[in-house]
Amino acid sequence: MSNSLAFFMALPILVGVTLIFYREHPKLQAWVSIGALSGLFGLGVYLLQYVQSHTIIRLDFGGWEPPFGILFVADTLALLLSLTTLFVTIICLLYLALSPREKMTNYYFYPLVLFLNAGIIGSYMTGDIFNLFVCFEVMLLSSYVLITLGGNRFQLREAIKYVAINIVSSWFFLIGIAYLYGSLGTLNMAHIAERVAEAGPTPLLTVVSLVFLIVFSLKAGLLLYFWLPGSYSSTPTVTSALFGALLTKVGVYALFRMFTLIFNDGEMIPMILSVMAALTLIGGSLGAVAYTDIRKIAAYQVVIAVGFMLAGLAIGNELAIEGTIYYILHDMFAKALLFLLIGTMIYVTNKVHIHEMSGLLKNYPVLGWSFFIVILSLAGIPPFSGFLGKVLVIEGAIANGSYVLMVLALFSGLAVLYSLLRIFSQCFWGETIISADEQRPLPAMRLAPIVMLSAITLLLGLGSEMLAPYIQAAATLLDPSIYIKAVLGNGS
């Protein structure tokens, strides 16, 4: 059973390397990639059921038992995020495979997406902090190439900022790991948690915790998000959808794992997180309502979501953690849908500003109503997927007395609703500016992935009771002894 965890990194890497030799066969690359990820998704569903009914799964590479070896740990949270990553990637690749051939498929796009998935899922499953750094770098190296595919000047300029900020944060990541290992003598995260609890909040460990806070905040786009809107809005449609749905969630996950498992004692980190989340919610909301470029508006929705997720961590009670996990899963699907819709709007109009489009609903009704669905989902309108997560986080804020975060969370929801309704009212309503002769064909097959994601946002809302046991199991983040016992047994 535990050996199957190795497939989650090994299979995407092996298939990706193989597909490098089939550069001239994009359709073959597409369907092989989709098939490999679908197989992993099926395996992940089986493992999730096993973990839910039995116990956390641990894989010790090379037979070296903790805390001495490298290991993967599959708990409910890691599997939920891995499954959502796989599902979103499959739908995005379907969108590309069912679209007219695009130039970027000739530049090893599919192998890079597979490597990206390997890095993301490895980050979720690793139980070793240095291996977390390695998986981050696998993900980032793939994203460095993906963000440059297309090659226009604006895209390359934004790519330089993206690469620079991630190189700096990775350097700080290594420094934090070095000091942590030097003071505690271990890299196993469960073992680190035990030794930090024994040592208490020493000055060195406090500084190390702040270093990790800065590192993962940079990677998540929390507060220092100046690189994110340009980077995510400059890439081709499928790349933007993958980035917007997946990349910031890895940084958010790392913050959750680090500050619930290891540095979970004290009030300083929650206070700093509260301030950073509040400022991120304010900045993201202002950006979303200020721009007329629909790509930038979509990118600022990512910033708002990051602020909301980290507000849940700052609040830190059971309601807020459960709500945040619901919200992360919803946001991965909803952001993929939003960026695919934005890219399709640009494809049919060749315009990027809201005042340059009008009446699209008449020509493309499925596109228009799908956009309306993503508005309701991201704004947290019932019965769509964003509702329950927002309600639980707000209830958690009230229970914790975090009224400032509660108010900002509510106002950020209004900013999401206003900014996206502005796109809908301007671009889809009104008189059409596209004649029948000028209308660009939009095949039903190209719309199929968009319709699938629209249906998922509704099903996640309506089926929240079915998802509840898994979310509650994932929310055991607040009891680190469960994770530590699964990894180390009775301790070491």
Protein backbone atom coordinates (compact mmCIF):
# COMPACT_ATOMS: atom_id res chain seq x y z
CA MET A 1 0.00 0.00 0.00
CA SER A 2 2.63 2.54 1.07
CA ASN A 3 4.81 1.85 -1.98
CA SER A 4 2.06 3.23 -4.22
CA LEU A 5 2.84 6.74 -2.93
CA ALA A 6 6.02 6.74 -5.02
CA PHE A 7 3.90 6.74 -8.19
CA PHE A 8 2.65 10.27 -7.46
CA MET A 9 6.07 11.70 -8.28
CA ALA A 10 7.68 8.93 -10.30
CA LEU A 11 4.92 8.45 -12.89
CA PRO A 12 4.59 12.12 -13.98
CA ILE A 13 8.38 12.46 -14.20
CA LEU A 14 8.85 9.22 -16.17
CA VAL A 15 5.97 9.99 -18.56
CA GLY A 16 7.19 13.58 -18.94
CA VAL A 17 10.72 12.48 -19.83
CA THR A 18 9.32 9.99 -22.35
CA LEU A 19 7.10 12.62 -24.01
CA ILE A 20 10.09 14.88 -24.61
CA PHE A 21 10.96 12.53 -27.48
CA TYR A 22 7.50 13.01 -29.05
CA ARG A 23 7.61 16.76 -29.53
CA GLU A 24 6.04 16.60 -32.99
CA HIS A 25 2.98 14.69 -31.76
CA PRO A 26 1.03 17.11 -29.53
CA LYS A 27 -2.19 15.07 -29.56
CA LEU A 28 -0.31 11.97 -28.44
CA GLN A 29 1.36 14.01 -25.69
CA ALA A 30 -2.01 15.39 -24.60
CA TRP A 31 -3.84 12.09 -24.31
CA VAL A 32 -0.93 10.21 -22.75
CA SER A 33 -0.59 12.99 -20.15
CA ILE A 34 -4.33 12.94 -19.44
CA GLY A 35 -4.27 9.14 -19.18
CA ALA A 36 -1.33 9.10 -16.77
CA LEU A 37 -2.87 11.76 -14.52
CA SER A 38 -6.26 10.01 -14.63
CA GLY A 39 -4.60 6.78 -13.46
CA LEU A 40 -3.00 8.66 -10.57
CA PHE A 41 -6.36 10.23 -9.74
CA GLY A 42 -7.96 6.80 -9.49
CA LEU A 43 -5.13 5.60 -7.23
CA GLY A 44 -5.51 8.72 -5.10
CA VAL A 45 -9.25 8.11 -4.60
CA TYR A 46 -8.51 4.56 -3.42
CA LEU A 47 -5.81 5.76 -1.01
CA LEU A 48 -8.07 8.51 0.33
CA GLN A 49 -10.73 5.94 1.20
CA TYR A 50 -8.08 3.76 2.86
CA VAL A 51 -6.72 6.64 4.95
CA GLN A 52 -10.23 7.69 5.92
CA SER A 53 -11.16 4.21 7.17
CA HIS A 54 -7.78 3.07 8.50
CA THR A 55 -4.77 5.34 9.14
CA ILE A 56 -2.27 7.73 7.61
CA ILE A 57 0.01 6.05 5.04
CA ARG A 58 3.79 6.46 5.29
CA LEU A 59 6.42 5.50 2.72
CA ASP A 60 10.02 5.25 3.93
CA PHE A 61 12.31 5.51 0.91
CA GLY A 62 15.16 2.99 0.98
CA GLY A 63 13.73 1.33 4.07
CA TRP A 64 15.19 4.03 6.35
CA GLU A 65 12.70 4.56 9.15
CA PRO A 66 11.99 8.03 10.60
CA PRO A 67 13.60 10.24 11.58
CA PHE A 68 16.64 9.18 9.53
CA GLY A 69 15.32 8.76 5.98
CA ILE A 70 13.29 10.57 3.35
CA LEU A 71 9.59 9.79 3.52
CA PHE A 72 6.18 10.55 2.05
CA VAL A 73 3.20 10.94 4.39
CA ALA A 74 -0.29 10.69 2.91
CA ASP A 75 -2.82 12.11 5.33
CA THR A 76 -6.30 13.28 4.35
CA LEU A 77 -5.25 16.88 3.67
CA ALA A 78 -2.34 15.90 1.40
CA LEU A 79 -4.53 13.48 -0.56
CA LEU A 80 -7.40 15.95 -0.94
CA LEU A 81 -5.08 18.61 -2.32
CA SER A 82 -3.27 16.11 -4.56
CA LEU A 83 -6.55 14.80 -6.00
CA THR A 84 -7.80 18.32 -6.68
CA THR A 85 -4.49 19.19 -8.35
CA LEU A 86 -4.76 16.16 -10.61
CA PHE A 87 -8.41 16.81 -11.50
CA VAL A 88 -7.82 20.49 -12.32
CA THR A 89 -4.78 19.62 -14.46
CA ILE A 90 -6.73 16.95 -16.36
CA ILE A 91 -9.50 19.43 -17.19
CA CYS A 92 -7.02 22.13 -18.26
CA LEU A 93 -5.21 19.65 -20.51
CA LEU A 94 -8.57 18.59 -21.97
CA TYR A 95 -9.26 22.24 -22.79
CA LEU A 96 -5.97 22.45 -24.68
CA ALA A 97 -6.36 19.06 -26.37
CA LEU A 98 -9.85 19.96 -27.64
CA SER A 99 -8.76 23.39 -28.85
CA PRO A 100 -7.17 24.27 -32.19
CA ARG A 101 -3.48 23.46 -32.15
CA GLU A 102 -1.51 26.09 -30.31
CA LYS A 103 2.10 27.00 -30.90
CA MET A 104 3.20 26.41 -27.33
CA THR A 105 2.43 22.67 -27.54
CA ASN A 106 5.59 22.36 -29.65
CA TYR A 107 7.74 23.61 -26.76
CA TYR A 108 7.46 20.62 -24.40
CA PHE A 109 4.33 22.00 -22.74
CA TYR A 110 2.93 18.63 -21.69
CA PRO A 111 6.16 17.28 -20.13
CA LEU A 112 6.52 20.54 -18.21
CA VAL A 113 2.96 20.27 -16.86
CA LEU A 114 3.70 16.72 -15.72
CA PHE A 115 6.89 17.88 -13.97
CA LEU A 116 4.87 20.72 -12.40
CA ASN A 117 2.37 18.20 -11.02
CA ALA A 118 5.16 16.02 -9.65
CA GLY A 119 6.59 18.99 -7.74
CA ILE A 120 3.21 20.13 -6.41
CA ILE A 121 2.08 16.68 -5.23
CA GLY A 122 5.53 15.94 -3.81
CA SER A 123 5.27 19.15 -1.77
CA TYR A 124 1.95 18.00 -0.33
CA MET A 125 3.15 14.50 0.55
CA THR A 126 6.70 14.93 1.77
CA GLY A 127 7.38 14.52 5.47
CA ASP A 128 10.93 15.89 5.21
CA ILE A 129 11.58 19.61 5.20
CA PHE A 130 14.58 19.47 2.86
CA ASN A 131 12.58 17.31 0.47
CA LEU A 132 9.89 20.01 0.66
CA PHE A 133 12.50 22.42 -0.69
CA VAL A 134 13.41 19.95 -3.47
CA CYS A 135 9.78 19.48 -4.50
CA PHE A 136 9.25 23.25 -4.45
CA GLU A 137 12.18 23.60 -6.83
CA VAL A 138 10.85 20.89 -9.18
CA MET A 139 7.59 22.82 -9.32
CA LEU A 140 9.30 26.19 -9.74
CA LEU A 141 11.75 25.09 -12.43
CA SER A 142 8.82 23.80 -14.49
CA SER A 143 6.91 27.03 -13.92
CA TYR A 144 9.93 29.13 -14.97
CA VAL A 145 9.78 27.56 -18.43
CA LEU A 146 5.99 27.54 -18.65
CA ILE A 147 5.77 31.22 -17.82
CA THR A 148 8.02 32.11 -20.76
CA LEU A 149 6.18 30.03 -23.39
CA GLY A 150 4.62 32.54 -25.75
CA GLY A 151 7.58 34.86 -25.79
CA ASN A 152 6.02 38.34 -25.99
CA ARG A 153 7.85 41.23 -24.36
CA PHE A 154 5.36 41.82 -21.55
CA GLN A 155 5.37 38.13 -20.68
CA LEU A 156 9.17 37.95 -20.52
CA ARG A 157 9.35 41.09 -18.35
CA GLU A 158 6.87 39.62 -15.87
CA ALA A 159 8.70 36.28 -15.98
CA ILE A 160 11.90 38.00 -14.80
CA LYS A 161 10.08 39.31 -11.70
CA TYR A 162 8.54 35.91 -11.05
CA VAL A 163 11.86 34.08 -11.32
CA ALA A 164 13.74 36.68 -9.26
CA ILE A 165 11.30 36.65 -6.33
CA ASN A 166 11.24 32.86 -6.22
CA ILE A 167 15.03 32.57 -6.35
CA VAL A 168 15.32 34.99 -3.41
CA SER A 169 12.66 33.14 -1.42
CA SER A 170 14.33 29.77 -2.16
CA TRP A 171 17.63 31.18 -0.85
CA PHE A 172 15.92 32.19 2.40
CA PHE A 173 14.27 28.75 2.49
CA LEU A 174 17.69 27.08 2.46
CA ILE A 175 18.95 29.39 5.20
CA GLY A 176 15.95 28.51 7.37
CA ILE A 177 16.51 24.79 6.81
CA ALA A 178 20.22 25.12 7.66
CA TYR A 179 19.57 26.91 10.97
CA LEU A 180 16.75 24.52 11.85
CA TYR A 181 18.95 21.48 11.23
CA GLY A 182 21.87 23.09 13.04
CA SER A 183 19.78 23.71 16.16
CA LEU A 184 17.66 20.53 16.20
CA GLY A 185 19.73 17.96 14.27
CA THR A 186 16.85 16.59 12.20
CA LEU A 187 14.97 17.27 8.95
CA ASN A 188 11.94 15.04 9.55
CA MET A 189 9.00 17.40 10.09
CA ALA A 190 7.32 15.27 12.77
CA HIS A 191 10.65 14.93 14.61
CA ILE A 192 11.24 18.68 14.27
CA ALA A 193 7.81 19.28 15.81
CA GLU A 194 8.71 17.09 18.80
CA ARG A 195 12.04 18.82 19.37
CA VAL A 196 10.61 22.32 18.96
CA ALA A 197 7.98 21.46 21.58
CA GLU A 198 10.73 20.22 23.90
CA ALA A 199 13.03 23.23 23.33
CA GLY A 200 10.32 25.85 23.62
CA PRO A 201 10.32 29.28 21.91
CA THR A 202 14.06 30.01 21.93
CA PRO A 203 15.26 33.21 20.19
CA LEU A 204 16.87 31.21 17.35
CA LEU A 205 13.75 29.14 16.69
CA THR A 206 11.62 32.29 16.76
CA VAL A 207 13.83 33.86 14.08
CA VAL A 208 13.71 30.65 12.02
CA SER A 209 9.90 30.62 12.23
CA LEU A 210 9.85 34.21 10.91
CA VAL A 211 12.17 33.21 8.05
CA PHE A 212 9.77 30.42 7.05
CA LEU A 213 6.84 32.82 7.35
CA ILE A 214 8.53 35.20 4.89
CA VAL A 215 9.51 32.38 2.51
CA PHE A 216 6.10 30.77 2.25
CA SER A 217 4.31 34.13 2.21
CA LEU A 218 6.38 35.13 -0.82
CA LYS A 219 5.55 31.86 -2.55
CA ALA A 220 1.86 32.10 -1.69
CA GLY A 221 1.52 35.75 -2.71
CA LEU A 222 0.62 36.92 0.80
CA LEU A 223 1.16 40.69 1.20
CA LEU A 224 4.28 40.76 -1.02
CA TYR A 225 2.21 39.89 -4.09
CA PHE A 226 3.58 42.55 -6.45
CA TRP A 227 4.92 39.83 -8.77
CA LEU A 228 1.67 37.87 -9.00
CA PRO A 229 -0.86 39.92 -11.05
CA GLY A 230 1.51 40.53 -13.97
CA SER A 231 2.94 37.00 -13.96
CA TYR A 232 -0.42 35.23 -13.89
CA SER A 233 -2.07 37.55 -16.42
CA SER A 234 0.69 37.48 -19.04
CA THR A 235 0.76 33.76 -19.86
CA PRO A 236 -1.37 31.76 -22.33
CA THR A 237 -4.82 30.62 -21.18
CA VAL A 238 -4.08 27.10 -19.91
CA THR A 239 -0.88 28.17 -18.16
CA SER A 240 -2.74 31.00 -16.40
CA ALA A 241 -5.46 28.55 -15.33
CA LEU A 242 -2.91 26.11 -13.90
CA PHE A 243 -0.94 28.85 -12.15
CA GLY A 244 -4.02 30.60 -10.74
CA ALA A 245 -5.54 27.35 -9.51
CA LEU A 246 -2.49 25.49 -8.20
CA LEU A 247 0.72 27.40 -7.48
CA THR A 248 -0.22 29.71 -4.62
CA LYS A 249 -1.94 26.79 -2.87
CA VAL A 250 1.43 25.09 -2.34
CA GLY A 251 2.69 28.10 -0.39
CA VAL A 252 -0.58 28.25 1.56
CA TYR A 253 -0.29 24.53 2.37
CA ALA A 254 3.31 24.99 3.55
CA LEU A 255 2.21 27.80 5.88
CA PHE A 256 -0.58 25.63 7.29
CA ARG A 257 1.70 22.64 7.79
CA MET A 258 4.54 24.67 9.27
CA PHE A 259 2.45 26.72 11.71
CA THR A 260 0.09 23.99 12.89
CA LEU A 261 2.61 21.14 13.15
CA ILE A 262 5.89 22.80 14.14
CA PHE A 263 5.63 26.45 15.23
CA ASN A 264 2.20 26.27 16.83
CA ASP A 265 2.96 27.81 20.20
CA GLY A 266 2.69 31.52 20.87
CA GLU A 267 0.70 34.53 19.71
CA MET A 268 3.26 36.37 17.57
CA ILE A 269 2.86 34.36 14.34
CA PRO A 270 -1.00 34.48 14.35
CA MET A 271 -0.82 38.25 14.97
CA ILE A 272 1.62 38.79 12.07
CA LEU A 273 -0.47 36.51 9.83
CA SER A 274 -3.59 38.50 10.74
CA VAL A 275 -1.97 41.78 9.69
CA MET A 276 -0.57 40.31 6.49
CA ALA A 277 -3.89 38.66 5.58
CA ALA A 278 -5.78 41.90 6.26
CA LEU A 279 -3.44 43.96 4.07
CA THR A 280 -3.59 41.32 1.33
CA LEU A 281 -7.39 41.36 1.36
CA ILE A 282 -7.38 45.16 1.11
CA GLY A 283 -4.75 45.30 -1.65
CA GLY A 284 -6.34 42.50 -3.66
CA SER A 285 -9.78 44.10 -3.43
CA LEU A 286 -8.48 47.48 -4.56
CA GLY A 287 -6.67 45.89 -7.49
CA ALA A 288 -9.72 43.88 -8.55
CA VAL A 289 -11.97 46.96 -8.74
CA ALA A 290 -9.36 49.32 -10.20
CA TYR A 291 -8.37 47.56 -13.44
CA THR A 292 -10.24 47.28 -16.72
CA ASP A 293 -7.94 44.57 -18.11
CA ILE A 294 -9.89 41.36 -17.51
CA ARG A 295 -6.66 39.37 -17.11
CA LYS A 296 -5.52 41.64 -14.26
CA ILE A 297 -8.95 41.48 -12.61
CA ALA A 298 -8.74 37.69 -12.64
CA ALA A 299 -5.20 37.75 -11.23
CA TYR A 300 -6.28 39.96 -8.32
CA GLN A 301 -8.98 37.40 -7.48
CA VAL A 302 -6.05 35.06 -6.68
CA VAL A 303 -4.60 37.66 -4.31
CA ILE A 304 -7.94 38.08 -2.51
CA ALA A 305 -8.26 34.30 -2.14
CA VAL A 306 -4.76 33.99 -0.63
CA GLY A 307 -5.61 36.69 1.91
CA PHE A 308 -8.83 34.89 2.83
CA MET A 309 -7.12 31.49 3.24
CA LEU A 310 -4.41 32.89 5.49
CA ALA A 311 -7.03 34.78 7.49
CA GLY A 312 -8.42 31.32 8.31
CA LEU A 313 -5.01 30.18 9.53
CA ALA A 314 -4.57 33.37 11.58
CA ILE A 315 -7.96 32.81 13.27
CA GLY A 316 -6.83 29.27 13.94
CA ASN A 317 -9.85 27.60 15.53
CA GLU A 318 -11.55 24.44 14.25
CA LEU A 319 -14.31 26.27 12.38
CA ALA A 320 -11.85 28.51 10.55
CA ILE A 321 -9.51 25.64 9.63
CA GLU A 322 -12.36 23.49 8.29
CA GLY A 323 -13.75 26.46 6.38
CA THR A 324 -10.36 27.25 4.89
CA ILE A 325 -9.88 23.68 3.66
CA TYR A 326 -13.32 23.80 2.01
CA TYR A 327 -12.38 27.14 0.50
CA ILE A 328 -9.01 25.95 -0.85
CA LEU A 329 -10.61 23.00 -2.65
CA HIS A 330 -13.34 25.23 -4.07
CA ASP A 331 -10.88 27.90 -5.12
CA MET A 332 -8.70 25.49 -7.10
CA PHE A 333 -11.65 24.57 -9.33
CA ALA A 334 -13.15 28.06 -9.46
CA LYS A 335 -9.89 29.81 -10.37
CA ALA A 336 -9.20 27.31 -13.15
CA LEU A 337 -12.70 28.01 -14.48
CA LEU A 338 -12.25 31.78 -14.22
CA PHE A 339 -8.95 31.84 -16.13
CA LEU A 340 -10.25 29.47 -18.82
CA LEU A 341 -13.27 31.75 -19.28
CA ILE A 342 -11.14 34.88 -19.43
CA GLY A 343 -8.82 33.26 -21.97
CA THR A 344 -11.78 32.14 -24.09
CA MET A 345 -13.24 35.66 -24.04
CA ILE A 346 -9.93 37.02 -25.29
CA TYR A 347 -9.79 34.27 -27.94
CA VAL A 348 -13.21 35.16 -29.42
CA THR A 349 -12.80 38.95 -29.28
CA ASN A 350 -9.03 39.54 -29.44
CA LYS A 351 -9.59 42.23 -26.78
CA VAL A 352 -8.55 42.46 -23.12
CA HIS A 353 -10.35 45.53 -21.71
CA ILE A 354 -13.95 45.43 -20.53
CA HIS A 355 -14.96 48.55 -22.50
CA GLU A 356 -13.83 46.87 -25.73
CA MET A 357 -16.39 44.03 -25.48
CA SER A 358 -20.18 43.94 -25.46
CA GLY A 359 -23.07 41.58 -26.09
CA LEU A 360 -21.09 38.35 -25.94
CA LEU A 361 -24.05 36.55 -24.34
CA LYS A 362 -25.98 36.68 -27.61
CA ASN A 363 -23.19 35.06 -29.60
CA TYR A 364 -21.78 32.76 -26.91
CA PRO A 365 -24.55 31.95 -24.37
CA VAL A 366 -22.78 28.94 -22.79
CA LEU A 367 -19.69 31.07 -22.22
CA GLY A 368 -21.79 33.84 -20.68
CA TRP A 369 -23.77 31.69 -18.26
CA SER A 370 -20.63 29.80 -17.24
CA PHE A 371 -19.09 33.15 -16.35
CA PHE A 372 -22.16 34.00 -14.28
CA ILE A 373 -21.77 30.69 -12.41
CA VAL A 374 -18.13 31.42 -11.55
CA ILE A 375 -19.18 34.85 -10.23
CA LEU A 376 -21.68 33.22 -7.86
CA SER A 377 -19.13 30.62 -6.80
CA LEU A 378 -16.26 33.02 -6.09
CA ALA A 379 -18.56 35.48 -4.33
CA GLY A 380 -19.79 32.70 -2.03
CA ILE A 381 -23.43 32.71 -3.09
CA PRO A 382 -25.32 29.51 -2.09
CA PRO A 383 -25.58 26.77 -3.26
CA PHE A 384 -22.23 27.12 -5.04
CA SER A 385 -18.92 25.86 -3.72
CA GLY A 386 -17.57 29.07 -2.20
CA PHE A 387 -20.45 29.53 0.25
CA LEU A 388 -19.74 26.98 3.00
CA GLY A 389 -16.03 27.76 3.32
CA LYS A 390 -16.69 31.48 3.70
CA VAL A 391 -19.46 30.95 6.24
CA LEU A 392 -17.30 28.67 8.40
CA VAL A 393 -14.34 31.07 8.35
CA ILE A 394 -16.59 33.99 9.29
CA GLU A 395 -18.17 31.94 12.10
CA GLY A 396 -14.67 31.07 13.28
CA ALA A 397 -13.71 34.75 13.23
CA ILE A 398 -16.75 35.64 15.35
CA ALA A 399 -16.01 32.82 17.82
CA ASN A 400 -12.40 34.00 18.08
CA GLY A 401 -13.24 37.69 18.34
CA SER A 402 -11.38 38.47 15.08
CA TYR A 403 -13.89 41.08 13.97
CA VAL A 404 -11.50 43.06 11.77
CA LEU A 405 -10.70 39.98 9.70
CA MET A 406 -14.40 39.13 9.57
CA VAL A 407 -15.30 42.57 8.19
CA LEU A 408 -12.46 42.50 5.67
CA ALA A 409 -13.47 39.00 4.54
CA LEU A 410 -17.01 40.21 3.94
CA PHE A 411 -15.89 43.33 2.09
CA SER A 412 -13.44 41.33 -0.03
CA GLY A 413 -16.39 39.15 -1.06
CA LEU A 414 -18.22 42.28 -2.17
CA ALA A 415 -15.12 43.36 -4.14
CA VAL A 416 -15.07 39.97 -5.88
CA LEU A 417 -18.77 40.25 -6.69
CA TYR A 418 -18.51 43.84 -7.96
CA SER A 419 -15.38 43.35 -10.07
CA LEU A 420 -16.67 40.22 -11.80
CA LEU A 421 -20.21 41.55 -12.26
CA ARG A 422 -18.63 44.56 -13.95
CA ILE A 423 -17.07 42.22 -16.51
CA PHE A 424 -20.35 40.33 -16.94
CA SER A 425 -22.56 43.41 -17.35
CA GLN A 426 -20.18 45.19 -19.72
CA CYS A 427 -18.92 42.28 -21.79
CA PHE A 428 -21.92 39.95 -21.98
CA TRP A 429 -24.94 42.27 -21.82
CA GLY A 430 -25.77 45.09 -24.22
CA GLU A 431 -25.63 45.24 -27.98
CA THR A 432 -23.23 42.84 -29.61
CA ILE A 433 -20.32 44.40 -31.48
CA ILE A 434 -19.56 41.18 -33.35
CA SER A 435 -21.51 40.60 -36.58
CA ALA A 436 -22.44 37.12 -37.76
CA ASP A 437 -19.65 37.28 -40.33
CA GLU A 438 -17.06 38.33 -37.75
CA GLN A 439 -18.12 35.82 -35.09
CA ARG A 440 -15.25 33.50 -34.25
CA PRO A 441 -16.40 29.88 -34.01
CA LEU A 442 -16.31 28.33 -30.56
CA PRO A 443 -16.74 24.56 -30.90
CA ALA A 444 -18.80 22.70 -28.31
CA MET A 445 -15.81 20.49 -27.55
CA ARG A 446 -13.80 23.52 -26.48
CA LEU A 447 -16.59 24.51 -24.11
CA ALA A 448 -16.87 21.03 -22.59
CA PRO A 449 -14.11 21.51 -19.95
CA ILE A 450 -15.64 24.87 -18.99
CA VAL A 451 -19.06 23.26 -18.53
CA MET A 452 -17.45 20.48 -16.47
CA LEU A 453 -15.83 22.98 -14.10
CA SER A 454 -19.08 24.95 -13.84
CA ALA A 455 -20.89 21.75 -12.83
CA ILE A 456 -18.19 20.92 -10.27
CA THR A 457 -18.59 24.28 -8.51
CA LEU A 458 -22.30 23.52 -8.10
CA LEU A 459 -21.78 19.89 -7.06
CA LEU A 460 -19.18 20.87 -4.45
CA GLY A 461 -21.75 23.17 -2.90
CA LEU A 462 -24.67 20.75 -3.06
CA GLY A 463 -22.51 17.79 -2.00
CA SER A 464 -20.78 19.47 0.91
CA GLU A 465 -22.25 16.96 3.38
CA MET A 466 -20.57 14.10 1.49
CA LEU A 467 -17.27 15.99 1.65
CA ALA A 468 -17.64 16.91 5.33
CA PRO A 469 -16.05 13.73 6.85
CA TYR A 470 -12.93 14.23 4.74
CA ILE A 471 -12.68 17.93 5.64
CA GLN A 472 -13.09 17.14 9.33
CA ALA A 473 -10.35 14.51 9.09
CA ALA A 474 -8.09 17.01 7.31
CA ALA A 475 -8.76 19.59 10.03
CA THR A 476 -6.84 17.40 12.51
CA LEU A 477 -4.04 19.85 11.64
CA LEU A 478 -4.99 21.39 14.98
CA ASP A 479 -3.91 18.18 16.76
CA PRO A 480 -0.30 17.65 15.58
CA SER A 481 0.06 14.57 17.81
CA ILE A 482 -1.96 12.56 15.24
CA TYR A 483 0.55 13.33 12.48
CA ILE A 484 3.56 12.85 14.78
CA LYS A 485 2.30 9.48 16.03
CA ALA A 486 1.61 8.29 12.45
CA VAL A 487 5.17 9.17 11.42
CA LEU A 488 7.20 8.38 14.52
CA GLY A 489 5.01 5.89 16.35
CA ASN A 490 5.32 6.51 20.08
CA GLY A 491 8.04 9.11 19.59
CA SER A 492 11.78 8.96 19.19
